[in-house]
Amino acid sequence: MDTIFVHGLVVECVIGVWEWERQITQKLIIDLDMDWDIKAAVASDALEDTLSYKDVAKRVSTYVRDAEANLVETLADGIATLLSEEFGVKWCRVRINKRGAVTGAGDVGVEIERGSR
């Protein structure tokens, strides 16, 4: 299977469990890896025969901004569900980096895989 990816998608959103976090927006950095058979797109050289990473990035960004989740875990699972239900992705890896959430650590977050390859 082939993989279409979007890495380093930056989204400003309300995220966090602490009251002060609910009053501000924070930057999340999102990486998406999605199994997708690209044979039809290779043969046709047509956008409609592949998974549009532009459409995926736009939809995921909107979802993340609107969700106002408490946990990045919840957000990651919601993104995976969205990719499956709205785009027909059979397997995905979602990684969310909440940089700066832990003093002294550069990168913190969660990485999940959903579906089967």
PDB file of N, CA and C in Angstrom:
ATOM      1  N   MET A   1       0.851  -1.185   0.000  1.00  0.00           N
ATOM      2  CA  MET A   1       0.000   0.000   0.000  1.00  0.00           C
ATOM      3  C   MET A   1       0.888   1.237   0.000  1.00  0.00           C
ATOM      4  N   ASP A   2       0.372   2.274  -0.571  1.00  0.00           N
ATOM      5  CA  ASP A   2       1.092   3.538  -0.654  1.00  0.00           C
ATOM      6  C   ASP A   2       0.657   4.440   0.499  1.00  0.00           C
ATOM      7  N   THR A   3       1.433   5.464   0.750  1.00  0.00           N
ATOM      8  CA  THR A   3       1.127   6.383   1.841  1.00  0.00           C
ATOM      9  C   THR A   3       1.093   7.809   1.327  1.00  0.00           C
ATOM     10  N   ILE A   4       0.023   8.494   1.651  1.00  0.00           N
ATOM     11  CA  ILE A   4      -0.069   9.934   1.422  1.00  0.00           C
ATOM     12  C   ILE A   4       0.102  10.574   2.789  1.00  0.00           C
ATOM     13  N   PHE A   5       0.908  11.620   2.855  1.00  0.00           N
ATOM     14  CA  PHE A   5       1.153  12.220   4.165  1.00  0.00           C
ATOM     15  C   PHE A   5       1.035  13.732   4.136  1.00  0.00           C
ATOM     16  N   VAL A   6       0.700  14.252   5.308  1.00  0.00           N
ATOM     17  CA  VAL A   6       0.729  15.686   5.597  1.00  0.00           C
ATOM     18  C   VAL A   6       1.491  15.788   6.908  1.00  0.00           C
ATOM     19  N   HIS A   7       2.648  16.420   6.888  1.00  0.00           N
ATOM     20  CA  HIS A   7       3.459  16.566   8.100  1.00  0.00           C
ATOM     21  C   HIS A   7       3.658  18.046   8.410  1.00  0.00           C
ATOM     22  N   GLY A   8       3.688  18.362   9.685  1.00  0.00           N
ATOM     23  CA  GLY A   8       3.965  19.729  10.111  1.00  0.00           C
ATOM     24  C   GLY A   8       2.802  20.685   9.945  1.00  0.00           C
ATOM     25  N   LEU A   9       1.568  20.161   9.941  1.00  0.00           N
ATOM     26  CA  LEU A   9       0.384  21.012   9.834  1.00  0.00           C
ATOM     27  C   LEU A   9       0.219  21.765  11.152  1.00  0.00           C
ATOM     28  N   VAL A  10       0.300  23.078  11.097  1.00  0.00           N
ATOM     29  CA  VAL A  10       0.222  23.909  12.299  1.00  0.00           C
ATOM     30  C   VAL A  10      -1.197  24.458  12.431  1.00  0.00           C
ATOM     31  N   VAL A  11      -1.800  24.210  13.599  1.00  0.00           N
ATOM     32  CA  VAL A  11      -3.157  24.685  13.856  1.00  0.00           C
ATOM     33  C   VAL A  11      -3.189  25.352  15.226  1.00  0.00           C
ATOM     34  N   GLU A  12      -3.707  26.564  15.274  1.00  0.00           N
ATOM     35  CA  GLU A  12      -3.928  27.278  16.536  1.00  0.00           C
ATOM     36  C   GLU A  12      -5.331  26.939  17.019  1.00  0.00           C
ATOM     37  N   CYS A  13      -5.435  26.484  18.274  1.00  0.00           N
ATOM     38  CA  CYS A  13      -6.744  26.071  18.784  1.00  0.00           C
ATOM     39  C   CYS A  13      -6.787  26.158  20.306  1.00  0.00           C
ATOM     40  N   VAL A  14      -7.994  26.032  20.839  1.00  0.00           N
ATOM     41  CA  VAL A  14      -8.172  25.897  22.281  1.00  0.00           C
ATOM     42  C   VAL A  14      -7.994  24.417  22.602  1.00  0.00           C
ATOM     43  N   ILE A  15      -7.044  24.118  23.478  1.00  0.00           N
ATOM     44  CA  ILE A  15      -6.756  22.735  23.872  1.00  0.00           C
ATOM     45  C   ILE A  15      -6.189  22.748  25.284  1.00  0.00           C
ATOM     46  N   GLY A  16      -6.619  21.819  26.112  1.00  0.00           N
ATOM     47  CA  GLY A  16      -6.041  21.717  27.446  1.00  0.00           C
ATOM     48  C   GLY A  16      -7.084  21.544  28.529  1.00  0.00           C
ATOM     49  N   VAL A  17      -6.620  21.078  29.674  1.00  0.00           N
ATOM     50  CA  VAL A  17      -7.508  20.790  30.798  1.00  0.00           C
ATOM     51  C   VAL A  17      -7.519  21.903  31.842  1.00  0.00           C
ATOM     52  N   TRP A  18      -6.515  22.741  31.844  1.00  0.00           N
ATOM     53  CA  TRP A  18      -6.422  23.793  32.854  1.00  0.00           C
ATOM     54  C   TRP A  18      -7.250  25.005  32.429  1.00  0.00           C
ATOM     55  N   GLU A  19      -7.817  25.673  33.400  1.00  0.00           N
ATOM     56  CA  GLU A  19      -8.684  26.827  33.120  1.00  0.00           C
ATOM     57  C   GLU A  19      -7.967  27.873  32.270  1.00  0.00           C
ATOM     58  N   TRP A  20      -6.699  28.148  32.572  1.00  0.00           N
ATOM     59  CA  TRP A  20      -5.979  29.164  31.798  1.00  0.00           C
ATOM     60  C   TRP A  20      -5.814  28.736  30.344  1.00  0.00           C
ATOM     61  N   GLU A  21      -5.740  27.416  30.101  1.00  0.00           N
ATOM     62  CA  GLU A  21      -5.608  26.932  28.725  1.00  0.00           C
ATOM     63  C   GLU A  21      -6.898  27.138  27.930  1.00  0.00           C
ATOM     64  N   ARG A  22      -8.024  27.169  28.617  1.00  0.00           N
ATOM     65  CA  ARG A  22      -9.312  27.346  27.952  1.00  0.00           C
ATOM     66  C   ARG A  22      -9.525  28.802  27.533  1.00  0.00           C
ATOM     67  N   GLN A  23      -8.647  29.690  28.005  1.00  0.00           N
ATOM     68  CA  GLN A  23      -8.776  31.119  27.706  1.00  0.00           C
ATOM     69  C   GLN A  23      -7.874  31.580  26.569  1.00  0.00           C
ATOM     70  N   ILE A  24      -7.027  30.697  26.062  1.00  0.00           N
ATOM     71  CA  ILE A  24      -6.058  31.065  25.025  1.00  0.00           C
ATOM     72  C   ILE A  24      -6.089  30.039  23.892  1.00  0.00           C
ATOM     73  N   THR A  25      -5.412  30.382  22.810  1.00  0.00           N
ATOM     74  CA  THR A  25      -5.178  29.373  21.778  1.00  0.00           C
ATOM     75  C   THR A  25      -3.726  28.921  21.890  1.00  0.00           C
ATOM     76  N   GLN A  26      -3.505  27.661  21.537  1.00  0.00           N
ATOM     77  CA  GLN A  26      -2.165  27.095  21.553  1.00  0.00           C
ATOM     78  C   GLN A  26      -1.881  26.468  20.196  1.00  0.00           C
ATOM     79  N   LYS A  27      -0.612  26.376  19.880  1.00  0.00           N
ATOM     80  CA  LYS A  27      -0.198  25.823  18.599  1.00  0.00           C
ATOM     81  C   LYS A  27       0.010  24.318  18.716  1.00  0.00           C
ATOM     82  N   LEU A  28      -0.662  23.574  17.841  1.00  0.00           N
ATOM     83  CA  LEU A  28      -0.430  22.141  17.708  1.00  0.00           C
ATOM     84  C   LEU A  28       0.232  21.889  16.365  1.00  0.00           C
ATOM     85  N   ILE A  29       1.121  20.925  16.335  1.00  0.00           N
ATOM     86  CA  ILE A  29       1.763  20.517  15.087  1.00  0.00           C
ATOM     87  C   ILE A  29       1.318  19.080  14.821  1.00  0.00           C
ATOM     88  N   ILE A  30       0.686  18.878  13.681  1.00  0.00           N
ATOM     89  CA  ILE A  30       0.035  17.604  13.383  1.00  0.00           C
ATOM     90  C   ILE A  30       0.700  16.933  12.190  1.00  0.00           C
ATOM     91  N   ASP A  31       0.985  15.647  12.347  1.00  0.00           N
ATOM     92  CA  ASP A  31       1.497  14.811  11.255  1.00  0.00           C
ATOM     93  C   ASP A  31       0.465  13.732  10.967  1.00  0.00           C
ATOM     94  N   LEU A  32       0.159  13.556   9.683  1.00  0.00           N
ATOM     95  CA  LEU A  32      -0.797  12.546   9.245  1.00  0.00           C
ATOM     96  C   LEU A  32      -0.139  11.635   8.224  1.00  0.00           C
ATOM     97  N   ASP A  33      -0.271  10.336   8.399  1.00  0.00           N
ATOM     98  CA  ASP A  33       0.139   9.341   7.408  1.00  0.00           C
ATOM     99  C   ASP A  33      -1.092   8.503   7.106  1.00  0.00           C
ATOM    100  N   MET A  34      -1.432   8.369   5.815  1.00  0.00           N
ATOM    101  CA  MET A  34      -2.658   7.682   5.421  1.00  0.00           C
ATOM    102  C   MET A  34      -2.371   6.693   4.305  1.00  0.00           C
ATOM    103  N   ASP A  35      -2.758   5.438   4.526  1.00  0.00           N
ATOM    104  CA  ASP A  35      -2.639   4.448   3.454  1.00  0.00           C
ATOM    105  C   ASP A  35      -3.609   4.812   2.343  1.00  0.00           C
ATOM    106  N   TRP A  36      -3.108   4.771   1.117  1.00  0.00           N
ATOM    107  CA  TRP A  36      -3.953   5.086  -0.030  1.00  0.00           C
ATOM    108  C   TRP A  36      -3.362   4.430  -1.267  1.00  0.00           C
ATOM    109  N   ASP A  37      -4.175   3.736  -1.995  1.00  0.00           N
ATOM    110  CA  ASP A  37      -3.730   3.109  -3.238  1.00  0.00           C
ATOM    111  C   ASP A  37      -3.680   4.182  -4.328  1.00  0.00           C
ATOM    112  N   ILE A  38      -2.488   4.498  -4.804  1.00  0.00           N
ATOM    113  CA  ILE A  38      -2.339   5.591  -5.775  1.00  0.00           C
ATOM    114  C   ILE A  38      -2.298   5.109  -7.227  1.00  0.00           C
ATOM    115  N   LYS A  39      -2.548   3.825  -7.454  1.00  0.00           N
ATOM    116  CA  LYS A  39      -2.451   3.294  -8.824  1.00  0.00           C
ATOM    117  C   LYS A  39      -3.337   4.036  -9.818  1.00  0.00           C
ATOM    118  N   ALA A  40      -4.583   4.311  -9.446  1.00  0.00           N
ATOM    119  CA  ALA A  40      -5.497   5.009 -10.356  1.00  0.00           C
ATOM    120  C   ALA A  40      -4.980   6.407 -10.678  1.00  0.00           C
ATOM    121  N   ALA A  41      -4.452   7.095  -9.672  1.00  0.00           N
ATOM    122  CA  ALA A  41      -3.918   8.442  -9.895  1.00  0.00           C
ATOM    123  C   ALA A  41      -2.680   8.411 -10.778  1.00  0.00           C
ATOM    124  N   VAL A  42      -1.848   7.403 -10.597  1.00  0.00           N
ATOM    125  CA  VAL A  42      -0.652   7.259 -11.431  1.00  0.00           C
ATOM    126  C   VAL A  42      -1.064   7.053 -12.887  1.00  0.00           C
ATOM    127  N   ALA A  43      -2.071   6.225 -13.098  1.00  0.00           N
ATOM    128  CA  ALA A  43      -2.516   5.925 -14.463  1.00  0.00           C
ATOM    129  C   ALA A  43      -3.179   7.119 -15.139  1.00  0.00           C
ATOM    130  N   SER A  44      -3.970   7.878 -14.365  1.00  0.00           N
ATOM    131  CA  SER A  44      -4.733   8.983 -14.963  1.00  0.00           C
ATOM    132  C   SER A  44      -4.046  10.336 -14.851  1.00  0.00           C
ATOM    133  N   ASP A  45      -3.154  10.470 -13.880  1.00  0.00           N
ATOM    134  CA  ASP A  45      -2.524  11.755 -13.573  1.00  0.00           C
ATOM    135  C   ASP A  45      -3.574  12.817 -13.247  1.00  0.00           C
ATOM    136  N   ALA A  46      -4.660  12.379 -12.594  1.00  0.00           N
ATOM    137  CA  ALA A  46      -5.782  13.262 -12.286  1.00  0.00           C
ATOM    138  C   ALA A  46      -6.019  13.335 -10.777  1.00  0.00           C
ATOM    139  N   LEU A  47      -6.224  14.539 -10.288  1.00  0.00           N
ATOM    140  CA  LEU A  47      -6.431  14.771  -8.862  1.00  0.00           C
ATOM    141  C   LEU A  47      -7.622  13.990  -8.320  1.00  0.00           C
ATOM    142  N   GLU A  48      -8.679  13.875  -9.099  1.00  0.00           N
ATOM    143  CA  GLU A  48      -9.877  13.194  -8.598  1.00  0.00           C
ATOM    144  C   GLU A  48      -9.654  11.702  -8.347  1.00  0.00           C
ATOM    145  N   ASP A  49      -8.531  11.168  -8.784  1.00  0.00           N
ATOM    146  CA  ASP A  49      -8.236   9.753  -8.570  1.00  0.00           C
ATOM    147  C   ASP A  49      -7.304   9.501  -7.387  1.00  0.00           C
ATOM    148  N   THR A  50      -7.109  10.516  -6.567  1.00  0.00           N
ATOM    149  CA  THR A  50      -6.243  10.339  -5.405  1.00  0.00           C
ATOM    150  C   THR A  50      -6.862  11.018  -4.196  1.00  0.00           C
ATOM    151  N   LEU A  51      -6.206  10.907  -3.075  1.00  0.00           N
ATOM    152  CA  LEU A  51      -6.607  11.590  -1.855  1.00  0.00           C
ATOM    153  C   LEU A  51      -5.935  12.958  -1.866  1.00  0.00           C
ATOM    154  N   SER A  52      -6.726  14.001  -1.882  1.00  0.00           N
ATOM    155  CA  SER A  52      -6.189  15.361  -1.938  1.00  0.00           C
ATOM    156  C   SER A  52      -5.660  15.770  -0.567  1.00  0.00           C
ATOM    157  N   TYR A  53      -4.342  15.894  -0.452  1.00  0.00           N
ATOM    158  CA  TYR A  53      -3.788  16.297   0.844  1.00  0.00           C
ATOM    159  C   TYR A  53      -4.190  17.715   1.197  1.00  0.00           C
ATOM    160  N   LYS A  54      -4.490  18.543   0.203  1.00  0.00           N
ATOM    161  CA  LYS A  54      -4.987  19.899   0.483  1.00  0.00           C
ATOM    162  C   LYS A  54      -6.351  19.828   1.165  1.00  0.00           C
ATOM    163  N   ASP A  55      -7.249  18.985   0.636  1.00  0.00           N
ATOM    164  CA  ASP A  55      -8.573  18.829   1.244  1.00  0.00           C
ATOM    165  C   ASP A  55      -8.474  18.236   2.645  1.00  0.00           C
ATOM    166  N   VAL A  56      -7.598  17.254   2.816  1.00  0.00           N
ATOM    167  CA  VAL A  56      -7.398  16.644   4.131  1.00  0.00           C
ATOM    168  C   VAL A  56      -6.896  17.691   5.123  1.00  0.00           C
ATOM    169  N   ALA A  57      -5.882  18.450   4.749  1.00  0.00           N
ATOM    170  CA  ALA A  57      -5.303  19.459   5.645  1.00  0.00           C
ATOM    171  C   ALA A  57      -6.338  20.511   6.030  1.00  0.00           C
ATOM    172  N   LYS A  58      -7.106  20.953   5.066  1.00  0.00           N
ATOM    173  CA  LYS A  58      -8.125  21.973   5.329  1.00  0.00           C
ATOM    174  C   LYS A  58      -9.190  21.441   6.288  1.00  0.00           C
ATOM    175  N   ARG A  59      -9.664  20.223   6.049  1.00  0.00           N
ATOM    176  CA  ARG A  59     -10.719  19.649   6.889  1.00  0.00           C
ATOM    177  C   ARG A  59     -10.218  19.355   8.297  1.00  0.00           C
ATOM    178  N   VAL A  60      -9.011  18.808   8.405  1.00  0.00           N
ATOM    179  CA  VAL A  60      -8.443  18.524   9.725  1.00  0.00           C
ATOM    180  C   VAL A  60      -8.224  19.824  10.495  1.00  0.00           C
ATOM    181  N   SER A  61      -7.726  20.856   9.839  1.00  0.00           N
ATOM    182  CA  SER A  61      -7.522  22.153  10.500  1.00  0.00           C
ATOM    183  C   SER A  61      -8.831  22.697  11.052  1.00  0.00           C
ATOM    184  N   THR A  62      -9.881  22.644  10.252  1.00  0.00           N
ATOM    185  CA  THR A  62     -11.193  23.121  10.699  1.00  0.00           C
ATOM    186  C   THR A  62     -11.690  22.302  11.882  1.00  0.00           C
ATOM    187  N   TYR A  63     -11.553  20.988  11.789  1.00  0.00           N
ATOM    188  CA  TYR A  63     -11.985  20.111  12.874  1.00  0.00           C
ATOM    189  C   TYR A  63     -11.256  20.449  14.178  1.00  0.00           C
ATOM    190  N   VAL A  64      -9.950  20.591  14.105  1.00  0.00           N
ATOM    191  CA  VAL A  64      -9.144  20.862  15.302  1.00  0.00           C
ATOM    192  C   VAL A  64      -9.526  22.207  15.918  1.00  0.00           C
ATOM    193  N   ARG A  65      -9.689  23.228  15.087  1.00  0.00           N
ATOM    194  CA  ARG A  65     -10.076  24.551  15.606  1.00  0.00           C
ATOM    195  C   ARG A  65     -11.450  24.519  16.267  1.00  0.00           C
ATOM    196  N   ASP A  66     -12.379  23.763  15.698  1.00  0.00           N
ATOM    197  CA  ASP A  66     -13.749  23.730  16.219  1.00  0.00           C
ATOM    198  C   ASP A  66     -13.926  22.808  17.421  1.00  0.00           C
ATOM    199  N   ALA A  67     -13.058  21.829  17.586  1.00  0.00           N
ATOM    200  CA  ALA A  67     -13.242  20.787  18.607  1.00  0.00           C
ATOM    201  C   ALA A  67     -13.134  21.315  20.035  1.00  0.00           C
ATOM    202  N   GLU A  68     -12.194  22.208  20.304  1.00  0.00           N
ATOM    203  CA  GLU A  68     -11.932  22.709  21.654  1.00  0.00           C
ATOM    204  C   GLU A  68     -11.844  21.560  22.664  1.00  0.00           C
ATOM    205  N   ALA A  69     -11.074  20.539  22.313  1.00  0.00           N
ATOM    206  CA  ALA A  69     -10.916  19.349  23.156  1.00  0.00           C
ATOM    207  C   ALA A  69     -10.080  19.654  24.393  1.00  0.00           C
ATOM    208  N   ASN A  70     -10.236  18.832  25.408  1.00  0.00           N
ATOM    209  CA  ASN A  70      -9.391  18.922  26.591  1.00  0.00           C
ATOM    210  C   ASN A  70      -8.058  18.221  26.361  1.00  0.00           C
ATOM    211  N   LEU A  71      -8.100  17.041  25.752  1.00  0.00           N
ATOM    212  CA  LEU A  71      -6.913  16.202  25.613  1.00  0.00           C
ATOM    213  C   LEU A  71      -6.503  16.039  24.154  1.00  0.00           C
ATOM    214  N   VAL A  72      -5.194  16.002  23.914  1.00  0.00           N
ATOM    215  CA  VAL A  72      -4.714  15.721  22.559  1.00  0.00           C
ATOM    216  C   VAL A  72      -5.073  14.286  22.163  1.00  0.00           C
ATOM    217  N   GLU A  73      -5.206  13.397  23.138  1.00  0.00           N
ATOM    218  CA  GLU A  73      -5.614  12.026  22.851  1.00  0.00           C
ATOM    219  C   GLU A  73      -6.996  11.994  22.193  1.00  0.00           C
ATOM    220  N   THR A  74      -7.924  12.758  22.749  1.00  0.00           N
ATOM    221  CA  THR A  74      -9.279  12.851  22.201  1.00  0.00           C
ATOM    222  C   THR A  74      -9.251  13.431  20.800  1.00  0.00           C
ATOM    223  N   LEU A  75      -8.463  14.459  20.625  1.00  0.00           N
ATOM    224  CA  LEU A  75      -8.339  15.117  19.327  1.00  0.00           C
ATOM    225  C   LEU A  75      -7.760  14.168  18.281  1.00  0.00           C
ATOM    226  N   ALA A  76      -6.723  13.430  18.632  1.00  0.00           N
ATOM    227  CA  ALA A  76      -6.101  12.486  17.696  1.00  0.00           C
ATOM    228  C   ALA A  76      -7.095  11.418  17.257  1.00  0.00           C
ATOM    229  N   ASP A  77      -7.851  10.878  18.199  1.00  0.00           N
ATOM    230  CA  ASP A  77      -8.833   9.859  17.851  1.00  0.00           C
ATOM    231  C   ASP A  77      -9.931  10.437  16.961  1.00  0.00           C
ATOM    232  N   GLY A  78     -10.343  11.654  17.235  1.00  0.00           N
ATOM    233  CA  GLY A  78     -11.347  12.309  16.398  1.00  0.00           C
ATOM    234  C   GLY A  78     -10.858  12.536  14.979  1.00  0.00           C
ATOM    235  N   ILE A  79      -9.596  12.912  14.836  1.00  0.00           N
ATOM    236  CA  ILE A  79      -9.010  13.097  13.503  1.00  0.00           C
ATOM    237  C   ILE A  79      -8.989  11.771  12.754  1.00  0.00           C
ATOM    238  N   ALA A  80      -8.581  10.707  13.429  1.00  0.00           N
ATOM    239  CA  ALA A  80      -8.543   9.388  12.787  1.00  0.00           C
ATOM    240  C   ALA A  80      -9.935   8.964  12.329  1.00  0.00           C
ATOM    241  N   THR A  81     -10.926   9.203  13.150  1.00  0.00           N
ATOM    242  CA  THR A  81     -12.309   8.882  12.782  1.00  0.00           C
ATOM    243  C   THR A  81     -12.751   9.696  11.579  1.00  0.00           C
ATOM    244  N   LEU A  82     -12.432  10.977  11.576  1.00  0.00           N
ATOM    245  CA  LEU A  82     -12.757  11.858  10.452  1.00  0.00           C
ATOM    246  C   LEU A  82     -12.125  11.354   9.158  1.00  0.00           C
ATOM    247  N   LEU A  83     -10.854  10.977   9.213  1.00  0.00           N
ATOM    248  CA  LEU A  83     -10.160  10.487   8.013  1.00  0.00           C
ATOM    249  C   LEU A  83     -10.826   9.232   7.466  1.00  0.00           C
ATOM    250  N   SER A  84     -11.264   8.367   8.355  1.00  0.00           N
ATOM    251  CA  SER A  84     -11.936   7.137   7.939  1.00  0.00           C
ATOM    252  C   SER A  84     -13.317   7.423   7.360  1.00  0.00           C
ATOM    253  N   GLU A  85     -14.116   8.180   8.095  1.00  0.00           N
ATOM    254  CA  GLU A  85     -15.510   8.391   7.709  1.00  0.00           C
ATOM    255  C   GLU A  85     -15.682   9.355   6.539  1.00  0.00           C
ATOM    256  N   GLU A  86     -14.891  10.408   6.487  1.00  0.00           N
ATOM    257  CA  GLU A  86     -15.090  11.424   5.453  1.00  0.00           C
ATOM    258  C   GLU A  86     -14.234  11.222   4.208  1.00  0.00           C
ATOM    259  N   PHE A  87     -13.097  10.553   4.363  1.00  0.00           N
ATOM    260  CA  PHE A  87     -12.193  10.389   3.227  1.00  0.00           C
ATOM    261  C   PHE A  87     -11.990   8.930   2.818  1.00  0.00           C
ATOM    262  N   GLY A  88     -12.515   7.996   3.606  1.00  0.00           N
ATOM    263  CA  GLY A  88     -12.383   6.583   3.267  1.00  0.00           C
ATOM    264  C   GLY A  88     -11.002   6.002   3.509  1.00  0.00           C
ATOM    265  N   VAL A  89     -10.238   6.621   4.396  1.00  0.00           N
ATOM    266  CA  VAL A  89      -8.898   6.136   4.725  1.00  0.00           C
ATOM    267  C   VAL A  89      -9.034   4.865   5.565  1.00  0.00           C
ATOM    268  N   LYS A  90      -8.357   3.802   5.157  1.00  0.00           N
ATOM    269  CA  LYS A  90      -8.452   2.505   5.846  1.00  0.00           C
ATOM    270  C   LYS A  90      -7.497   2.394   7.035  1.00  0.00           C
ATOM    271  N   TRP A  91      -6.343   3.053   6.937  1.00  0.00           N
ATOM    272  CA  TRP A  91      -5.349   3.061   8.022  1.00  0.00           C
ATOM    273  C   TRP A  91      -4.719   4.445   8.078  1.00  0.00           C
ATOM    274  N   CYS A  92      -4.496   4.917   9.295  1.00  0.00           N
ATOM    275  CA  CYS A  92      -3.806   6.204   9.436  1.00  0.00           C
ATOM    276  C   CYS A  92      -2.988   6.224  10.716  1.00  0.00           C
ATOM    277  N   ARG A  93      -1.997   7.084  10.687  1.00  0.00           N
ATOM    278  CA  ARG A  93      -1.217   7.417  11.876  1.00  0.00           C
ATOM    279  C   ARG A  93      -1.402   8.919  12.082  1.00  0.00           C
ATOM    280  N   VAL A  94      -1.787   9.283  13.294  1.00  0.00           N
ATOM    281  CA  VAL A  94      -1.982  10.687  13.644  1.00  0.00           C
ATOM    282  C   VAL A  94      -1.038  11.004  14.791  1.00  0.00           C
ATOM    283  N   ARG A  95      -0.224  12.022  14.601  1.00  0.00           N
ATOM    284  CA  ARG A  95       0.706  12.457  15.645  1.00  0.00           C
ATOM    285  C   ARG A  95       0.423  13.926  15.927  1.00  0.00           C
ATOM    286  N   ILE A  96       0.189  14.241  17.196  1.00  0.00           N
ATOM    287  CA  ILE A  96      -0.054  15.625  17.593  1.00  0.00           C
ATOM    288  C   ILE A  96       1.024  16.036  18.582  1.00  0.00           C
ATOM    289  N   ASN A  97       1.702  17.103  18.250  1.00  0.00           N
ATOM    290  CA  ASN A  97       2.777  17.646  19.069  1.00  0.00           C
ATOM    291  C   ASN A  97       2.269  18.930  19.722  1.00  0.00           C
ATOM    292  N   LYS A  98       2.267  18.940  21.042  1.00  0.00           N
ATOM    293  CA  LYS A  98       1.888  20.131  21.803  1.00  0.00           C
ATOM    294  C   LYS A  98       3.172  20.714  22.399  1.00  0.00           C
ATOM    295  N   ARG A  99       3.966  21.249  21.510  1.00  0.00           N
ATOM    296  CA  ARG A  99       5.287  21.767  21.855  1.00  0.00           C
ATOM    297  C   ARG A  99       5.190  22.782  22.999  1.00  0.00           C
ATOM    298  N   GLY A 100       6.059  22.627  23.979  1.00  0.00           N
ATOM    299  CA  GLY A 100       6.097  23.568  25.093  1.00  0.00           C
ATOM    300  C   GLY A 100       5.143  23.241  26.224  1.00  0.00           C
ATOM    301  N   ALA A 101       4.436  22.128  26.148  1.00  0.00           N
ATOM    302  CA  ALA A 101       3.474  21.786  27.195  1.00  0.00           C
ATOM    303  C   ALA A 101       4.148  21.343  28.490  1.00  0.00           C
ATOM    304  N   VAL A 102       5.380  20.867  28.392  1.00  0.00           N
ATOM    305  CA  VAL A 102       6.124  20.422  29.567  1.00  0.00           C
ATOM    306  C   VAL A 102       7.428  21.206  29.625  1.00  0.00           C
ATOM    307  N   THR A 103       7.635  21.902  30.724  1.00  0.00           N
ATOM    308  CA  THR A 103       8.852  22.681  30.897  1.00  0.00           C
ATOM    309  C   THR A 103      10.071  21.775  30.772  1.00  0.00           C
ATOM    310  N   GLY A 104      11.006  22.189  29.948  1.00  0.00           N
ATOM    311  CA  GLY A 104      12.233  21.435  29.757  1.00  0.00           C
ATOM    312  C   GLY A 104      12.176  20.417  28.635  1.00  0.00           C
ATOM    313  N   ALA A 105      10.993  20.176  28.092  1.00  0.00           N
ATOM    314  CA  ALA A 105      10.848  19.226  26.980  1.00  0.00           C
ATOM    315  C   ALA A 105      10.540  19.993  25.702  1.00  0.00           C
ATOM    316  N   GLY A 106      11.182  19.600  24.623  1.00  0.00           N
ATOM    317  CA  GLY A 106      10.924  20.267  23.352  1.00  0.00           C
ATOM    318  C   GLY A 106       9.613  19.847  22.733  1.00  0.00           C
ATOM    319  N   ASP A 107       9.418  18.557  22.618  1.00  0.00           N
ATOM    320  CA  ASP A 107       8.233  18.019  21.961  1.00  0.00           C
ATOM    321  C   ASP A 107       7.514  17.056  22.896  1.00  0.00           C
ATOM    322  N   VAL A 108       6.206  17.224  23.022  1.00  0.00           N
ATOM    323  CA  VAL A 108       5.366  16.287  23.769  1.00  0.00           C
ATOM    324  C   VAL A 108       4.069  16.099  22.996  1.00  0.00           C
ATOM    325  N   GLY A 109       3.437  14.969  23.180  1.00  0.00           N
ATOM    326  CA  GLY A 109       2.176  14.760  22.486  1.00  0.00           C
ATOM    327  C   GLY A 109       1.780  13.307  22.457  1.00  0.00           C
ATOM    328  N   VAL A 110       1.061  12.959  21.407  1.00  0.00           N
ATOM    329  CA  VAL A 110       0.528  11.608  21.271  1.00  0.00           C
ATOM    330  C   VAL A 110       0.608  11.180  19.815  1.00  0.00           C
ATOM    331  N   GLU A 111       0.774   9.880  19.622  1.00  0.00           N
ATOM    332  CA  GLU A 111       0.749   9.292  18.285  1.00  0.00           C
ATOM    333  C   GLU A 111      -0.134   8.057  18.345  1.00  0.00           C
ATOM    334  N   ILE A 112      -1.114   7.996  17.446  1.00  0.00           N
ATOM    335  CA  ILE A 112      -2.004   6.842  17.405  1.00  0.00           C
ATOM    336  C   ILE A 112      -2.040   6.266  15.994  1.00  0.00           C
ATOM    337  N   GLU A 113      -2.402   5.009  15.901  1.00  0.00           N
ATOM    338  CA  GLU A 113      -2.670   4.360  14.619  1.00  0.00           C
ATOM    339  C   GLU A 113      -4.059   3.760  14.702  1.00  0.00           C
ATOM    340  N   ARG A 114      -4.811   3.907  13.622  1.00  0.00           N
ATOM    341  CA  ARG A 114      -6.152   3.338  13.555  1.00  0.00           C
ATOM    342  C   ARG A 114      -6.323   2.625  12.221  1.00  0.00           C
ATOM    343  N   GLY A 115      -7.108   1.559  12.234  1.00  0.00           N
ATOM    344  CA  GLY A 115      -7.389   0.811  11.022  1.00  0.00           C
ATOM    345  C   GLY A 115      -6.379  -0.290  10.802  1.00  0.00           C
ATOM    346  N   SER A 116      -6.446  -0.878   9.612  1.00  0.00           N
ATOM    347  CA  SER A 116      -5.513  -1.954   9.280  1.00  0.00           C
ATOM    348  C   SER A 116      -4.911  -1.710   7.910  1.00  0.00           C
ATOM    349  N   ARG A 117      -3.675  -2.182   7.758  1.00  0.00           N
ATOM    350  CA  ARG A 117      -2.939  -1.978   6.509  1.00  0.00           C
ATOM    351  C   ARG A 117      -3.125  -3.161   5.607  1.00  0.00           C
TER     352      ARG A 117
END
